[in-house]
Each structure stands twice: as structure tokens, then as C-alpha cells.
Amino acid sequence: MTAPTAWAASANLDPGRLLGPEGWPRLLELDAEPAELDEWLLAHPSGRLGRYAEVLLGYWFAHAPHAELVARNLAVRDAAHRTHGEFDFLVRLDGEPLHVELASKFYLMMGELPDSLIGASLRDAWRLKAARLERQLALARHPLAAPLLPAGFAKAKSVARVTGWLFARDGLALPAPLNPDAPRGWFAPLAARWPRRAEGGRWLWLPRLQWLAPARVPLDATGDEESLRARLAAIDRPQLVAELVPAGDGAAVEVARGFVLPPGWPPPEALALLRARMLPDPAWQDGR
């Protein structure tokens, strides 16, 4: 809700506009009494991180005092039932109609240029997502979209809420259109000593649906680096881990996070296939 954007799309939705004048008090109420949000999540289950993020934002649009959720996941299809795009959200914020696209991405920066940002699954890359996002932002101009748009949305502004984390080498500047203030982490080989940000830090393996916000867990749910490394040794794709410190109330709070990489990652064949999907062919810089 409040994190800086990960990169500059053609039109970004400001977090302050998303929160509205009563946003912070409402978020604090949800922290203290999350039952209503829990019920919403149970009614809209999803095991995919992107969909989970959409469900959370959909809750906000449906319940924030300054917001009105008009439509969600509105698909644009032709007579042959081919999908030409989908509006993530059609909402009114303070009465203004908006088309809002959401992106929640976690990319490892393997070189020094934005085109070197790739997903841990090797099925996604920043270049692919950024291009798709811009197509989605232009969806209202598609001739098949006009009959679907609710009253008042024919000329609505299209904006993106781009969330997520970028994982890069320490000291590496993030070039435009990446945001230098984006949430940022590290990556390191599984067998190497992991970067530390605090003395006496503890470690936690982050399940995918817990990637969105910094972790806060009971202290006894954390472990030491060597124990966690042993648990991850049999997994053949990068895993996200968090470094935490005691909060003084029996809990531990995240101070940093990073991807730990299995031996041989990324596999050359899978990486080549991902690069081939990037059009036009990017000028990769592998940093080696």
C-alpha cells in the first residue's frame, strides 16, 4: 500500500492517493482487528502471488471510505472468445473514475541494466512485464473495450500501481526507469555466507504469499543461517529468505531479505529461452 513504486510506468498511481485521508488509521485498525480482511481473503482464495495482491487491493477499493470498486478483472474478448486484455480494476477515488493496473514483481538483477532483471522462476522478466503493463494501460483505447466500460469510464485515466522488490548487488545504482528508492534486497549462492545487516540476526524462509510486506513473526519461528541453509539444500530454484532481529515483545521483525541461489542457477538453457522471448532482443550485460 505505501511502498515506493518499483519502476516508473507511463502513469503511476501515487500511494498517497491510494491511501486517501483516512488510510493510515484504517490500516492500523486492520492490524489490530483483521477479521474483516481475513473473511475477504477466505472468500477470494488464491495461491498465486499476483492474484493474492489483487485480492488485497480489491479489498481496499471495496472498503476504503474514499474509494468505490466498480469492476474487477473485466476481460475484453472478441467474437471468437479470444482475450485481448483485462482491466484489473475500474474504481472511483474521491469520485474520479480510474482504470488501475496492479503489478507485484520480484526480480533479480543479474547485470547492470534493467533488461537483466529476471524472475526466480525464469518464466518472467522485467522487460516482458513492463511492456505488457503498458499494453494494459492502453486497453481502454481498444475498440472492443468501449461497449464494456461502465458509465463515466470512457475517458477515465489509466494508472499503474507497481509494487515489489528488486534484488541486486550492493552498491549497484538502479538506472531509470527503475526507482532508486524501490524496496531492495540481495542475492547470494546458497553455499556462501549470506549478507548480514544486523548483529545477532535470525533467519526465516518466506513462503510466496508472505513476500509482499516485511516479515513479523514470533521469535521462536526463526532459526540460524546454517539450519536454514540445510533445509534449502535440496531445492533447485532460488528461495527468498529474510533476516530478522528481536523486537523486544517476543516477536522478530525483518531488517533485510534476499534470494539464495542453488548451484548452477540460472540454467543456461532456461535463461536462453527467457531471453528469446524479449522483443526486441535486449542488450544484456551479464556482469561477468
C-alpha atoms as a PDB file:
ATOM      1  CA  MET A   1       0.000   0.000   0.000  1.00  0.00           C
ATOM      2  CA  THR A   2       2.682   2.501   0.944  1.00  0.00           C
ATOM      3  CA  ALA A   3       5.921   1.242  -0.647  1.00  0.00           C
ATOM      4  CA  PRO A   4       7.682   3.270  -3.341  1.00  0.00           C
ATOM      5  CA  THR A   5       6.998   2.129  -6.893  1.00  0.00           C
ATOM      6  CA  ALA A   6       9.467  -0.411  -8.297  1.00  0.00           C
ATOM      7  CA  TRP A   7       9.743   1.348 -11.655  1.00  0.00           C
ATOM      8  CA  ALA A   8       8.237   4.293 -13.479  1.00  0.00           C
ATOM      9  CA  ALA A   9       5.404   3.245 -15.755  1.00  0.00           C
ATOM     10  CA  SER A  10       3.870   5.744 -18.173  1.00  0.00           C
ATOM     11  CA  ALA A  11       1.432   6.702 -15.389  1.00  0.00           C
ATOM     12  CA  ASN A  12       1.895   5.689 -11.751  1.00  0.00           C
ATOM     13  CA  LEU A  13      -0.736   5.864  -9.019  1.00  0.00           C
ATOM     14  CA  ASP A  14       0.679   7.754  -6.067  1.00  0.00           C
ATOM     15  CA  PRO A  15       0.493   5.735  -2.812  1.00  0.00           C
ATOM     16  CA  GLY A  16      -0.898   8.788  -1.025  1.00  0.00           C
ATOM     17  CA  ARG A  17      -3.794   8.928  -3.455  1.00  0.00           C
ATOM     18  CA  LEU A  18      -4.362   5.222  -2.942  1.00  0.00           C
ATOM     19  CA  LEU A  19      -4.395   5.565   0.839  1.00  0.00           C
ATOM     20  CA  GLY A  20      -6.668   8.579   0.996  1.00  0.00           C
ATOM     21  CA  PRO A  21      -7.043  10.921   4.005  1.00  0.00           C
ATOM     22  CA  GLU A  22      -8.169   8.119   6.344  1.00  0.00           C
ATOM     23  CA  GLY A  23      -5.746   5.498   5.063  1.00  0.00           C
ATOM     24  CA  TRP A  24      -3.298   5.221   7.949  1.00  0.00           C
ATOM     25  CA  PRO A  25      -5.957   4.990  10.677  1.00  0.00           C
ATOM     26  CA  ARG A  26      -7.747   2.351   8.623  1.00  0.00           C
ATOM     27  CA  LEU A  27      -4.565   0.291   8.187  1.00  0.00           C
ATOM     28  CA  LEU A  28      -3.881   0.472  11.932  1.00  0.00           C
ATOM     29  CA  GLU A  29      -7.432  -0.729  12.603  1.00  0.00           C
ATOM     30  CA  LEU A  30      -6.855  -3.687  10.271  1.00  0.00           C
ATOM     31  CA  ASP A  31      -3.623  -4.542  12.096  1.00  0.00           C
ATOM     32  CA  ALA A  32      -5.499  -4.608  15.387  1.00  0.00           C
ATOM     33  CA  GLU A  33      -8.708  -6.255  14.113  1.00  0.00           C
ATOM     34  CA  PRO A  34      -8.082  -8.141  10.852  1.00  0.00           C
ATOM     35  CA  ALA A  35     -11.222 -10.343  10.962  1.00  0.00           C
ATOM     36  CA  GLU A  36     -12.975  -8.484   8.115  1.00  0.00           C
ATOM     37  CA  LEU A  37      -9.906  -8.747   5.878  1.00  0.00           C
ATOM     38  CA  ASP A  38      -9.430 -12.414   6.801  1.00  0.00           C
ATOM     39  CA  GLU A  39     -13.011 -13.114   5.714  1.00  0.00           C
ATOM     40  CA  TRP A  40     -12.382 -11.348   2.411  1.00  0.00           C
ATOM     41  CA  LEU A  41      -9.263 -13.459   1.792  1.00  0.00           C
ATOM     42  CA  LEU A  42     -11.154 -16.666   2.567  1.00  0.00           C
ATOM     43  CA  ALA A  43     -13.866 -15.640   0.117  1.00  0.00           C
ATOM     44  CA  HIS A  44     -11.289 -14.919  -2.626  1.00  0.00           C
ATOM     45  CA  PRO A  45      -8.660 -17.671  -2.262  1.00  0.00           C
ATOM     46  CA  SER A  46      -5.551 -17.683  -4.448  1.00  0.00           C
ATOM     47  CA  GLY A  47      -2.227 -19.465  -4.319  1.00  0.00           C
ATOM     48  CA  ARG A  48      -0.616 -17.089  -6.848  1.00  0.00           C
ATOM     49  CA  LEU A  49       1.191 -14.062  -5.515  1.00  0.00           C
ATOM     50  CA  GLY A  50      -0.054 -11.690  -8.205  1.00  0.00           C
ATOM     51  CA  ARG A  51      -3.670 -12.708  -7.681  1.00  0.00           C
ATOM     52  CA  TYR A  52      -3.244 -12.531  -3.922  1.00  0.00           C
ATOM     53  CA  ALA A  53      -2.006  -8.938  -4.292  1.00  0.00           C
ATOM     54  CA  GLU A  54      -5.048  -8.178  -6.455  1.00  0.00           C
ATOM     55  CA  VAL A  55      -7.355  -9.602  -3.793  1.00  0.00           C
ATOM     56  CA  LEU A  56      -5.779  -7.367  -1.154  1.00  0.00           C
ATOM     57  CA  LEU A  57      -6.057  -4.263  -3.325  1.00  0.00           C
ATOM     58  CA  GLY A  58      -9.617  -5.235  -4.242  1.00  0.00           C
ATOM     59  CA  TYR A  59     -10.476  -5.294  -0.545  1.00  0.00           C
ATOM     60  CA  TRP A  60      -9.102  -1.775  -0.161  1.00  0.00           C
ATOM     61  CA  PHE A  61     -11.054  -0.425  -3.111  1.00  0.00           C
ATOM     62  CA  ALA A  62     -14.221  -2.058  -1.787  1.00  0.00           C
ATOM     63  CA  HIS A  63     -13.855  -0.752   1.787  1.00  0.00           C
ATOM     64  CA  ALA A  64     -11.771   2.456   1.861  1.00  0.00           C
ATOM     65  CA  PRO A  65     -14.015   5.460   2.550  1.00  0.00           C
ATOM     66  CA  HIS A  66     -12.717   7.463  -0.439  1.00  0.00           C
ATOM     67  CA  ALA A  67     -12.923   4.537  -2.894  1.00  0.00           C
ATOM     68  CA  GLU A  68     -15.608   2.769  -4.889  1.00  0.00           C
ATOM     69  CA  LEU A  69     -14.899  -0.543  -6.639  1.00  0.00           C
ATOM     70  CA  VAL A  70     -16.885  -0.556  -9.892  1.00  0.00           C
ATOM     71  CA  ALA A  71     -15.411  -3.584 -11.719  1.00  0.00           C
ATOM     72  CA  ARG A  72     -12.567  -6.047 -11.298  1.00  0.00           C
ATOM     73  CA  ASN A  73     -10.839  -8.324 -13.840  1.00  0.00           C
ATOM     74  CA  LEU A  74     -13.041  -7.127 -16.686  1.00  0.00           C
ATOM     75  CA  ALA A  75     -11.908  -9.062 -19.775  1.00  0.00           C
ATOM     76  CA  VAL A  76     -12.007  -7.688 -23.310  1.00  0.00           C
ATOM     77  CA  ARG A  77     -12.822 -10.530 -25.749  1.00  0.00           C
ATOM     78  CA  ASP A  78     -13.704 -10.730 -29.412  1.00  0.00           C
ATOM     79  CA  ALA A  79     -16.402 -12.790 -31.118  1.00  0.00           C
ATOM     80  CA  ALA A  80     -14.096 -15.832 -31.163  1.00  0.00           C
ATOM     81  CA  HIS A  81     -13.677 -15.529 -27.362  1.00  0.00           C
ATOM     82  CA  ARG A  82     -10.038 -14.520 -27.672  1.00  0.00           C
ATOM     83  CA  THR A  83      -8.948 -12.275 -24.802  1.00  0.00           C
ATOM     84  CA  HIS A  84      -7.297  -9.001 -25.855  1.00  0.00           C
ATOM     85  CA  GLY A  85      -6.674  -7.760 -22.328  1.00  0.00           C
ATOM     86  CA  GLU A  86      -8.221  -7.372 -18.917  1.00  0.00           C
ATOM     87  CA  PHE A  87      -8.904  -4.333 -16.766  1.00  0.00           C
ATOM     88  CA  ASP A  88      -7.539  -5.128 -13.306  1.00  0.00           C
ATOM     89  CA  PHE A  89      -9.739  -2.523 -11.596  1.00  0.00           C
ATOM     90  CA  LEU A  90     -12.202   0.140 -12.568  1.00  0.00           C
ATOM     91  CA  VAL A  91     -12.609   2.339  -9.494  1.00  0.00           C
ATOM     92  CA  ARG A  92     -13.530   5.804  -8.329  1.00  0.00           C
ATOM     93  CA  LEU A  93     -11.101   7.531  -5.976  1.00  0.00           C
ATOM     94  CA  ASP A  94     -12.573  10.666  -4.442  1.00  0.00           C
ATOM     95  CA  GLY A  95     -15.208  10.429  -7.155  1.00  0.00           C
ATOM     96  CA  GLU A  96     -12.736  10.328 -10.072  1.00  0.00           C
ATOM     97  CA  PRO A  97     -13.083   7.292 -12.386  1.00  0.00           C
ATOM     98  CA  LEU A  98      -9.779   5.459 -12.854  1.00  0.00           C
ATOM     99  CA  HIS A  99      -8.545   2.343 -14.602  1.00  0.00           C
ATOM    100  CA  VAL A 100      -5.938   0.833 -12.247  1.00  0.00           C
ATOM    101  CA  GLU A 101      -3.437  -1.866 -13.204  1.00  0.00           C
ATOM    102  CA  LEU A 102      -1.510  -3.675 -10.476  1.00  0.00           C
ATOM    103  CA  ALA A 103       1.927  -5.268 -10.806  1.00  0.00           C
ATOM    104  CA  SER A 104       3.639  -7.046  -7.893  1.00  0.00           C
ATOM    105  CA  LYS A 105       7.016  -8.305  -9.054  1.00  0.00           C
ATOM    106  CA  PHE A 106      10.220  -9.650  -7.517  1.00  0.00           C
ATOM    107  CA  TYR A 107      13.197  -9.562  -9.879  1.00  0.00           C
ATOM    108  CA  LEU A 108      16.866 -10.455  -9.588  1.00  0.00           C
ATOM    109  CA  MET A 109      19.171  -8.012 -11.374  1.00  0.00           C
ATOM    110  CA  MET A 110      21.812 -10.234 -12.967  1.00  0.00           C
ATOM    111  CA  GLY A 111      23.692  -7.369 -14.642  1.00  0.00           C
ATOM    112  CA  GLU A 112      23.693  -3.590 -14.509  1.00  0.00           C
ATOM    113  CA  LEU A 113      20.791  -2.757 -16.854  1.00  0.00           C
ATOM    114  CA  PRO A 114      17.033  -3.056 -16.328  1.00  0.00           C
ATOM    115  CA  ASP A 115      16.845  -5.734 -19.040  1.00  0.00           C
ATOM    116  CA  SER A 116      18.863  -8.046 -16.786  1.00  0.00           C
ATOM    117  CA  LEU A 117      16.000  -8.234 -14.237  1.00  0.00           C
ATOM    118  CA  ILE A 118      14.536 -11.736 -14.252  1.00  0.00           C
ATOM    119  CA  GLY A 119      12.135 -13.710 -12.100  1.00  0.00           C
ATOM    120  CA  ALA A 120      13.242 -16.583  -9.904  1.00  0.00           C
ATOM    121  CA  SER A 121      11.069 -18.991 -11.903  1.00  0.00           C
ATOM    122  CA  LEU A 122      12.760 -17.933 -15.193  1.00  0.00           C
ATOM    123  CA  ARG A 123       9.286 -17.543 -16.715  1.00  0.00           C
ATOM    124  CA  ASP A 124       9.205 -13.771 -16.293  1.00  0.00           C
ATOM    125  CA  ALA A 125      11.427 -10.750 -16.795  1.00  0.00           C
ATOM    126  CA  TRP A 126      11.142  -7.022 -16.244  1.00  0.00           C
ATOM    127  CA  ARG A 127      11.205  -6.225 -19.966  1.00  0.00           C
ATOM    128  CA  LEU A 128       8.257  -8.568 -20.601  1.00  0.00           C
ATOM    129  CA  LYS A 129       6.202  -7.274 -17.679  1.00  0.00           C
ATOM    130  CA  ALA A 130       6.907  -3.617 -18.362  1.00  0.00           C
ATOM    131  CA  ALA A 131       5.789  -4.000 -21.984  1.00  0.00           C
ATOM    132  CA  ARG A 132       2.672  -5.917 -21.004  1.00  0.00           C
ATOM    133  CA  LEU A 133       1.796  -3.324 -18.375  1.00  0.00           C
ATOM    134  CA  GLU A 134       1.941  -0.535 -20.957  1.00  0.00           C
ATOM    135  CA  ARG A 135      -0.359  -2.527 -23.251  1.00  0.00           C
ATOM    136  CA  GLN A 136      -2.780  -2.944 -20.366  1.00  0.00           C
ATOM    137  CA  LEU A 137      -2.697   0.767 -19.600  1.00  0.00           C
ATOM    138  CA  ALA A 138      -3.746   1.415 -23.216  1.00  0.00           C
ATOM    139  CA  LEU A 139      -6.574  -1.146 -23.122  1.00  0.00           C
ATOM    140  CA  ALA A 140      -9.343   1.450 -22.859  1.00  0.00           C
ATOM    141  CA  ARG A 141      -8.451   2.596 -26.389  1.00  0.00           C
ATOM    142  CA  HIS A 142      -9.128  -0.862 -27.844  1.00  0.00           C
ATOM    143  CA  PRO A 143     -12.292  -0.736 -29.994  1.00  0.00           C
ATOM    144  CA  LEU A 144     -13.731  -3.778 -28.228  1.00  0.00           C
ATOM    145  CA  ALA A 145     -13.361  -2.153 -24.806  1.00  0.00           C
ATOM    146  CA  ALA A 146     -15.728   0.781 -25.291  1.00  0.00           C
ATOM    147  CA  PRO A 147     -19.001  -1.216 -25.056  1.00  0.00           C
ATOM    148  CA  LEU A 148     -17.817  -2.843 -21.814  1.00  0.00           C
ATOM    149  CA  LEU A 149     -16.881   0.289 -19.896  1.00  0.00           C
ATOM    150  CA  PRO A 150     -19.319   1.429 -17.197  1.00  0.00           C
ATOM    151  CA  ALA A 151     -20.869   4.869 -17.417  1.00  0.00           C
ATOM    152  CA  GLY A 152     -18.325   7.600 -16.817  1.00  0.00           C
ATOM    153  CA  PHE A 153     -15.266   5.474 -17.667  1.00  0.00           C
ATOM    154  CA  ALA A 154     -14.990   6.116 -21.406  1.00  0.00           C
ATOM    155  CA  LYS A 155     -12.309   8.768 -20.852  1.00  0.00           C
ATOM    156  CA  ALA A 156     -11.021   7.583 -17.487  1.00  0.00           C
ATOM    157  CA  LYS A 157      -7.308   7.941 -16.752  1.00  0.00           C
ATOM    158  CA  SER A 158      -5.261   4.702 -16.706  1.00  0.00           C
ATOM    159  CA  VAL A 159      -2.687   4.377 -13.910  1.00  0.00           C
ATOM    160  CA  ALA A 160      -0.419   1.633 -12.573  1.00  0.00           C
ATOM    161  CA  ARG A 161       0.399   0.612  -9.029  1.00  0.00           C
ATOM    162  CA  VAL A 162       3.786  -1.090  -9.384  1.00  0.00           C
ATOM    163  CA  THR A 163       4.891  -2.891  -6.224  1.00  0.00           C
ATOM    164  CA  GLY A 164       7.547  -5.458  -5.451  1.00  0.00           C
ATOM    165  CA  TRP A 165      11.249  -5.776  -4.673  1.00  0.00           C
ATOM    166  CA  LEU A 166      14.407  -5.585  -6.767  1.00  0.00           C
ATOM    167  CA  PHE A 167      17.367  -7.764  -5.788  1.00  0.00           C
ATOM    168  CA  ALA A 168      20.785  -6.504  -6.856  1.00  0.00           C
ATOM    169  CA  ARG A 169      24.425  -6.381  -5.853  1.00  0.00           C
ATOM    170  CA  ASP A 170      25.289  -3.958  -3.057  1.00  0.00           C
ATOM    171  CA  GLY A 171      26.387  -0.594  -4.360  1.00  0.00           C
ATOM    172  CA  LEU A 172      24.802  -1.038  -7.775  1.00  0.00           C
ATOM    173  CA  ALA A 173      22.833   2.028  -8.836  1.00  0.00           C
ATOM    174  CA  LEU A 174      19.378   1.373 -10.257  1.00  0.00           C
ATOM    175  CA  PRO A 175      19.118   3.145 -13.633  1.00  0.00           C
ATOM    176  CA  ALA A 176      15.903   4.681 -14.977  1.00  0.00           C
ATOM    177  CA  PRO A 177      13.143   3.728 -15.321  1.00  0.00           C
ATOM    178  CA  LEU A 178      13.874   1.720 -12.163  1.00  0.00           C
ATOM    179  CA  ASN A 179      13.196   3.613  -8.967  1.00  0.00           C
ATOM    180  CA  PRO A 180      16.358   4.065  -6.822  1.00  0.00           C
ATOM    181  CA  ASP A 181      14.079   4.135  -3.760  1.00  0.00           C
ATOM    182  CA  ALA A 182      12.363   0.826  -4.603  1.00  0.00           C
ATOM    183  CA  PRO A 183      12.362  -1.894  -1.925  1.00  0.00           C
ATOM    184  CA  ARG A 184      15.652  -3.680  -2.425  1.00  0.00           C
ATOM    185  CA  GLY A 185      17.322  -6.915  -1.408  1.00  0.00           C
ATOM    186  CA  TRP A 186      20.388  -9.024  -2.166  1.00  0.00           C
ATOM    187  CA  PHE A 187      21.110 -12.397  -3.738  1.00  0.00           C
ATOM    188  CA  ALA A 188      23.879 -14.885  -2.983  1.00  0.00           C
ATOM    189  CA  PRO A 189      24.796 -18.520  -3.610  1.00  0.00           C
ATOM    190  CA  LEU A 190      23.178 -20.937  -1.201  1.00  0.00           C
ATOM    191  CA  ALA A 191      26.554 -22.273  -0.070  1.00  0.00           C
ATOM    192  CA  ALA A 192      28.128 -18.847   0.517  1.00  0.00           C
ATOM    193  CA  ARG A 193      27.776 -16.822   3.681  1.00  0.00           C
ATOM    194  CA  TRP A 194      24.698 -14.644   3.285  1.00  0.00           C
ATOM    195  CA  PRO A 195      24.904 -10.861   3.652  1.00  0.00           C
ATOM    196  CA  ARG A 196      24.056  -9.634   7.127  1.00  0.00           C
ATOM    197  CA  ARG A 197      22.547  -6.300   8.074  1.00  0.00           C
ATOM    198  CA  ALA A 198      22.427  -6.719  11.872  1.00  0.00           C
ATOM    199  CA  GLU A 199      24.371  -8.346  14.694  1.00  0.00           C
ATOM    200  CA  GLY A 200      22.653 -11.412  16.084  1.00  0.00           C
ATOM    201  CA  GLY A 201      20.215 -11.635  13.199  1.00  0.00           C
ATOM    202  CA  ARG A 202      17.899 -14.615  12.826  1.00  0.00           C
ATOM    203  CA  TRP A 203      16.614 -16.156   9.601  1.00  0.00           C
ATOM    204  CA  LEU A 204      13.259 -17.101   8.114  1.00  0.00           C
ATOM    205  CA  TRP A 205      12.257 -18.851   4.883  1.00  0.00           C
ATOM    206  CA  LEU A 206       9.494 -16.740   3.322  1.00  0.00           C
ATOM    207  CA  PRO A 207       6.576 -18.588   1.696  1.00  0.00           C
ATOM    208  CA  ARG A 208       5.495 -16.949  -1.548  1.00  0.00           C
ATOM    209  CA  LEU A 209       2.302 -15.404  -0.194  1.00  0.00           C
ATOM    210  CA  GLN A 210       4.358 -13.688   2.519  1.00  0.00           C
ATOM    211  CA  TRP A 211       6.619 -11.832   0.080  1.00  0.00           C
ATOM    212  CA  LEU A 212       4.626  -8.608  -0.117  1.00  0.00           C
ATOM    213  CA  ALA A 213       5.426  -6.983   3.227  1.00  0.00           C
ATOM    214  CA  PRO A 214       8.347  -7.156   5.685  1.00  0.00           C
ATOM    215  CA  ALA A 215       8.006 -10.162   7.984  1.00  0.00           C
ATOM    216  CA  ARG A 216       6.987 -10.023  11.626  1.00  0.00           C
ATOM    217  CA  VAL A 217       6.795 -13.425  13.340  1.00  0.00           C
ATOM    218  CA  PRO A 218       7.269 -14.980  16.790  1.00  0.00           C
ATOM    219  CA  LEU A 219      10.963 -15.101  17.618  1.00  0.00           C
ATOM    220  CA  ASP A 220      10.837 -18.864  18.112  1.00  0.00           C
ATOM    221  CA  ALA A 221       9.704 -19.244  14.459  1.00  0.00           C
ATOM    222  CA  THR A 222      13.137 -18.067  13.268  1.00  0.00           C
ATOM    223  CA  GLY A 223      16.367 -20.043  13.015  1.00  0.00           C
ATOM    224  CA  ASP A 224      20.069 -19.739  12.388  1.00  0.00           C
ATOM    225  CA  GLU A 225      21.703 -19.476   8.989  1.00  0.00           C
ATOM    226  CA  GLU A 226      23.233 -22.949   8.911  1.00  0.00           C
ATOM    227  CA  SER A 227      19.970 -24.695   9.816  1.00  0.00           C
ATOM    228  CA  LEU A 228      18.064 -22.813   7.137  1.00  0.00           C
ATOM    229  CA  ARG A 229      20.769 -23.496   4.551  1.00  0.00           C
ATOM    230  CA  ALA A 230      20.434 -27.211   5.235  1.00  0.00           C
ATOM    231  CA  ARG A 231      16.648 -27.044   4.726  1.00  0.00           C
ATOM    232  CA  LEU A 232      17.083 -25.310   1.363  1.00  0.00           C
ATOM    233  CA  ALA A 233      19.838 -27.575   0.026  1.00  0.00           C
ATOM    234  CA  ALA A 234      17.515 -29.890  -1.931  1.00  0.00           C
ATOM    235  CA  ILE A 235      15.583 -27.100  -3.720  1.00  0.00           C
ATOM    236  CA  ASP A 236      16.606 -26.345  -7.305  1.00  0.00           C
ATOM    237  CA  ARG A 237      15.347 -22.759  -7.657  1.00  0.00           C
ATOM    238  CA  PRO A 238      16.049 -19.528  -5.771  1.00  0.00           C
ATOM    239  CA  GLN A 239      14.345 -19.134  -2.410  1.00  0.00           C
ATOM    240  CA  LEU A 240      13.565 -15.919  -0.578  1.00  0.00           C
ATOM    241  CA  VAL A 241      14.832 -15.602   2.980  1.00  0.00           C
ATOM    242  CA  ALA A 242      14.561 -12.783   5.497  1.00  0.00           C
ATOM    243  CA  GLU A 243      16.962 -11.599   8.176  1.00  0.00           C
ATOM    244  CA  LEU A 244      15.149 -10.604  11.377  1.00  0.00           C
ATOM    245  CA  VAL A 245      16.024  -9.137  14.742  1.00  0.00           C
ATOM    246  CA  PRO A 246      14.190  -9.394  18.086  1.00  0.00           C
ATOM    247  CA  ALA A 247      11.543  -6.703  18.570  1.00  0.00           C
ATOM    248  CA  GLY A 248      11.524  -6.947  22.375  1.00  0.00           C
ATOM    249  CA  ASP A 249       7.968  -8.278  22.664  1.00  0.00           C
ATOM    250  CA  GLY A 250       8.575 -11.935  21.805  1.00  0.00           C
ATOM    251  CA  ALA A 251       8.451 -11.139  18.099  1.00  0.00           C
ATOM    252  CA  ALA A 252      11.103 -10.729  15.419  1.00  0.00           C
ATOM    253  CA  VAL A 253      10.959  -8.135  12.633  1.00  0.00           C
ATOM    254  CA  GLU A 254      12.574  -8.191   9.205  1.00  0.00           C
ATOM    255  CA  VAL A 255      15.554  -5.931   8.538  1.00  0.00           C
ATOM    256  CA  ALA A 256      16.644  -7.331   5.149  1.00  0.00           C
ATOM    257  CA  ARG A 257      15.849 -10.064   2.660  1.00  0.00           C
ATOM    258  CA  GLY A 258      17.500 -11.851  -0.216  1.00  0.00           C
ATOM    259  CA  PHE A 259      17.326 -14.719  -2.677  1.00  0.00           C
ATOM    260  CA  VAL A 260      19.639 -17.672  -2.100  1.00  0.00           C
ATOM    261  CA  LEU A 261      20.652 -19.341  -5.354  1.00  0.00           C
ATOM    262  CA  PRO A 262      21.166 -23.102  -5.852  1.00  0.00           C
ATOM    263  CA  PRO A 263      24.311 -24.302  -7.642  1.00  0.00           C
ATOM    264  CA  GLY A 264      24.234 -23.689 -11.394  1.00  0.00           C
ATOM    265  CA  TRP A 265      21.430 -21.138 -11.322  1.00  0.00           C
ATOM    266  CA  PRO A 266      20.329 -19.799 -13.715  1.00  0.00           C
ATOM    267  CA  PRO A 267      20.441 -22.858 -16.012  1.00  0.00           C
ATOM    268  CA  PRO A 268      21.761 -21.677 -19.404  1.00  0.00           C
ATOM    269  CA  GLU A 269      19.017 -23.342 -21.467  1.00  0.00           C
ATOM    270  CA  ALA A 270      16.150 -21.843 -19.475  1.00  0.00           C
ATOM    271  CA  LEU A 271      17.844 -18.447 -19.450  1.00  0.00           C
ATOM    272  CA  ALA A 272      18.299 -18.578 -23.237  1.00  0.00           C
ATOM    273  CA  LEU A 273      14.593 -19.330 -23.717  1.00  0.00           C
ATOM    274  CA  LEU A 274      13.654 -16.401 -21.498  1.00  0.00           C
ATOM    275  CA  ARG A 275      15.974 -14.053 -23.376  1.00  0.00           C
ATOM    276  CA  ALA A 276      14.479 -15.185 -26.682  1.00  0.00           C
ATOM    277  CA  ARG A 277      11.037 -14.049 -25.542  1.00  0.00           C
ATOM    278  CA  MET A 278      12.251 -10.491 -25.014  1.00  0.00           C
ATOM    279  CA  LEU A 279      11.423  -8.373 -28.054  1.00  0.00           C
ATOM    280  CA  PRO A 280      13.252  -6.505 -29.268  1.00  0.00           C
ATOM    281  CA  ASP A 281      16.293  -8.508 -28.290  1.00  0.00           C
ATOM    282  CA  PRO A 282      17.743  -6.719 -25.233  1.00  0.00           C
ATOM    283  CA  ALA A 283      21.370  -5.687 -24.910  1.00  0.00           C
ATOM    284  CA  TRP A 284      22.146  -7.859 -21.930  1.00  0.00           C
ATOM    285  CA  GLN A 285      25.061  -7.170 -19.686  1.00  0.00           C
ATOM    286  CA  ASP A 286      25.768 -10.236 -17.604  1.00  0.00           C
ATOM    287  CA  GLY A 287      28.184  -8.543 -15.231  1.00  0.00           C
ATOM    288  CA  ARG A 288      30.831 -11.219 -15.560  1.00  0.00           C
END
